[in-house]
Amino acid sequence: MSEINVEEVKKLLREFARTYRRPLHGKLLVLEPFKDELLKLDAKNIPNADVAAFLSQKCGITVSKDTVQRFLRTVKKIDRSSSATKASPPPPADSKTAS
């Protein structure tokens, strides 16, 4: 067996944890292509019920106001966490070395 470089594996795992995003599923996935537009509508304080009604009537996309709200909450959380991750300094290197 080849020897495992513990520090390299730790580095790779930290990077994976930092960049991993749980994939959207179901109705949330349907809204993903319209993320920017939905965020703009949300910024204008347009009610989620009106957004859901518009999507249904004009676009043939049937989602509830709760799905729109959940999508926006999820997207905002992802954006906040990725912004915070980019702004934070890298974690300090472990002073311990594997034997």
C-alpha atoms as a PDB file:
ATOM      1  CA  MET A   1       0.000   0.000   0.000  1.00  0.00           C
ATOM      2  CA  SER A   2       1.141   3.530  -0.655  1.00  0.00           C
ATOM      3  CA  GLU A   3       1.766   5.837   2.269  1.00  0.00           C
ATOM      4  CA  ILE A   4      -0.918   8.438   2.938  1.00  0.00           C
ATOM      5  CA  ASN A   5       0.133  12.060   3.142  1.00  0.00           C
ATOM      6  CA  VAL A   6      -2.008  13.089   6.124  1.00  0.00           C
ATOM      7  CA  GLU A   7      -1.454  16.812   5.693  1.00  0.00           C
ATOM      8  CA  GLU A   8      -2.417  16.687   2.031  1.00  0.00           C
ATOM      9  CA  VAL A   9      -5.595  14.744   2.834  1.00  0.00           C
ATOM     10  CA  LYS A  10      -6.480  17.254   5.568  1.00  0.00           C
ATOM     11  CA  LYS A  11      -5.940  20.106   3.115  1.00  0.00           C
ATOM     12  CA  LEU A  12      -8.129  18.423   0.497  1.00  0.00           C
ATOM     13  CA  LEU A  13     -10.881  17.717   3.037  1.00  0.00           C
ATOM     14  CA  ARG A  14     -10.841  21.328   4.271  1.00  0.00           C
ATOM     15  CA  GLU A  15     -11.157  22.570   0.694  1.00  0.00           C
ATOM     16  CA  PHE A  16     -13.981  20.111  -0.014  1.00  0.00           C
ATOM     17  CA  ALA A  17     -15.851  21.232   3.124  1.00  0.00           C
ATOM     18  CA  ARG A  18     -15.330  24.891   2.230  1.00  0.00           C
ATOM     19  CA  THR A  19     -16.603  24.603  -1.323  1.00  0.00           C
ATOM     20  CA  TYR A  20     -19.273  21.901  -0.991  1.00  0.00           C
ATOM     21  CA  ARG A  21     -22.825  22.992  -1.739  1.00  0.00           C
ATOM     22  CA  ARG A  22     -25.684  20.595  -1.234  1.00  0.00           C
ATOM     23  CA  PRO A  23     -27.441  20.247  -4.579  1.00  0.00           C
ATOM     24  CA  LEU A  24     -30.927  21.694  -4.846  1.00  0.00           C
ATOM     25  CA  HIS A  25     -33.675  19.172  -5.440  1.00  0.00           C
ATOM     26  CA  GLY A  26     -37.326  19.019  -6.426  1.00  0.00           C
ATOM     27  CA  LYS A  27     -39.082  22.334  -6.933  1.00  0.00           C
ATOM     28  CA  LEU A  28     -36.058  24.277  -5.693  1.00  0.00           C
ATOM     29  CA  LEU A  29     -34.084  22.908  -8.630  1.00  0.00           C
ATOM     30  CA  VAL A  30     -36.788  24.176 -11.004  1.00  0.00           C
ATOM     31  CA  LEU A  31     -36.209  27.735  -9.746  1.00  0.00           C
ATOM     32  CA  GLU A  32     -32.390  27.652  -9.985  1.00  0.00           C
ATOM     33  CA  PRO A  33     -32.170  29.029 -13.567  1.00  0.00           C
ATOM     34  CA  PHE A  34     -34.120  32.098 -12.412  1.00  0.00           C
ATOM     35  CA  LYS A  35     -32.042  32.770  -9.294  1.00  0.00           C
ATOM     36  CA  ASP A  36     -30.870  36.279 -10.209  1.00  0.00           C
ATOM     37  CA  GLU A  37     -34.301  37.430 -11.320  1.00  0.00           C
ATOM     38  CA  LEU A  38     -35.960  36.012  -8.206  1.00  0.00           C
ATOM     39  CA  LEU A  39     -33.402  37.744  -5.986  1.00  0.00           C
ATOM     40  CA  LYS A  40     -34.126  41.048  -7.753  1.00  0.00           C
ATOM     41  CA  LEU A  41     -37.862  40.596  -7.227  1.00  0.00           C
ATOM     42  CA  ASP A  42     -37.212  39.782  -3.569  1.00  0.00           C
ATOM     43  CA  ALA A  43     -35.072  42.922  -3.222  1.00  0.00           C
ATOM     44  CA  LYS A  44     -38.061  44.908  -4.477  1.00  0.00           C
ATOM     45  CA  ASN A  45     -40.184  43.299  -1.724  1.00  0.00           C
ATOM     46  CA  ILE A  46     -42.553  41.659  -4.194  1.00  0.00           C
ATOM     47  CA  PRO A  47     -44.596  39.115  -2.228  1.00  0.00           C
ATOM     48  CA  ASN A  48     -43.668  35.483  -2.801  1.00  0.00           C
ATOM     49  CA  ALA A  49     -47.334  34.698  -3.453  1.00  0.00           C
ATOM     50  CA  ASP A  50     -47.306  37.174  -6.360  1.00  0.00           C
ATOM     51  CA  VAL A  51     -44.079  35.683  -7.716  1.00  0.00           C
ATOM     52  CA  ALA A  52     -45.529  32.158  -7.505  1.00  0.00           C
ATOM     53  CA  ALA A  53     -48.746  33.298  -9.198  1.00  0.00           C
ATOM     54  CA  PHE A  54     -46.791  35.009 -11.983  1.00  0.00           C
ATOM     55  CA  LEU A  55     -44.622  31.939 -12.548  1.00  0.00           C
ATOM     56  CA  SER A  56     -47.727  29.771 -12.765  1.00  0.00           C
ATOM     57  CA  GLN A  57     -49.859  32.041 -14.958  1.00  0.00           C
ATOM     58  CA  LYS A  58     -47.247  33.462 -17.335  1.00  0.00           C
ATOM     59  CA  CYS A  59     -44.501  30.824 -17.362  1.00  0.00           C
ATOM     60  CA  GLY A  60     -46.236  27.514 -16.663  1.00  0.00           C
ATOM     61  CA  ILE A  61     -44.039  26.896 -13.603  1.00  0.00           C
ATOM     62  CA  THR A  62     -46.182  25.702 -10.725  1.00  0.00           C
ATOM     63  CA  VAL A  63     -44.632  26.377  -7.328  1.00  0.00           C
ATOM     64  CA  SER A  64     -46.110  27.594  -4.078  1.00  0.00           C
ATOM     65  CA  LYS A  65     -45.233  30.841  -2.331  1.00  0.00           C
ATOM     66  CA  ASP A  66     -43.583  28.683   0.331  1.00  0.00           C
ATOM     67  CA  THR A  67     -41.332  27.090  -2.302  1.00  0.00           C
ATOM     68  CA  VAL A  68     -40.316  30.535  -3.567  1.00  0.00           C
ATOM     69  CA  GLN A  69     -39.578  31.591   0.011  1.00  0.00           C
ATOM     70  CA  ARG A  70     -37.591  28.417   0.742  1.00  0.00           C
ATOM     71  CA  PHE A  71     -35.607  28.840  -2.479  1.00  0.00           C
ATOM     72  CA  LEU A  72     -34.747  32.459  -1.672  1.00  0.00           C
ATOM     73  CA  ARG A  73     -33.785  31.579   1.903  1.00  0.00           C
ATOM     74  CA  THR A  74     -31.551  28.748   0.668  1.00  0.00           C
ATOM     75  CA  VAL A  75     -29.874  30.880  -1.996  1.00  0.00           C
ATOM     76  CA  LYS A  76     -29.276  33.768   0.411  1.00  0.00           C
ATOM     77  CA  LYS A  77     -27.784  31.399   2.975  1.00  0.00           C
ATOM     78  CA  ILE A  78     -25.430  29.926   0.358  1.00  0.00           C
ATOM     79  CA  ASP A  79     -24.425  33.397  -0.824  1.00  0.00           C
ATOM     80  CA  ARG A  80     -23.783  34.570   2.746  1.00  0.00           C
ATOM     81  CA  SER A  81     -21.701  31.531   3.616  1.00  0.00           C
ATOM     82  CA  SER A  82     -19.626  31.760   0.436  1.00  0.00           C
ATOM     83  CA  SER A  83     -19.056  35.490   1.026  1.00  0.00           C
ATOM     84  CA  ALA A  84     -17.975  34.837   4.596  1.00  0.00           C
ATOM     85  CA  THR A  85     -15.683  32.036   3.481  1.00  0.00           C
ATOM     86  CA  LYS A  86     -14.031  34.232   0.846  1.00  0.00           C
ATOM     87  CA  ALA A  87     -13.511  37.036   3.363  1.00  0.00           C
ATOM     88  CA  SER A  88     -12.095  34.892   6.145  1.00  0.00           C
ATOM     89  CA  PRO A  89      -8.397  34.081   6.267  1.00  0.00           C
ATOM     90  CA  PRO A  90      -7.302  30.489   5.731  1.00  0.00           C
ATOM     91  CA  PRO A  91      -7.205  28.293   8.840  1.00  0.00           C
ATOM     92  CA  PRO A  92      -3.841  28.110  10.621  1.00  0.00           C
ATOM     93  CA  ALA A  93      -1.619  25.205   9.700  1.00  0.00           C
ATOM     94  CA  ASP A  94      -1.546  22.339  12.151  1.00  0.00           C
ATOM     95  CA  SER A  95       1.656  22.455  14.169  1.00  0.00           C
ATOM     96  CA  LYS A  96       1.488  18.710  14.719  1.00  0.00           C
ATOM     97  CA  THR A  97       2.843  16.414  12.068  1.00  0.00           C
ATOM     98  CA  ALA A  98       1.819  12.852  11.474  1.00  0.00           C
ATOM     99  CA  SER A  99       4.324  10.123  12.121  1.00  0.00           C
END
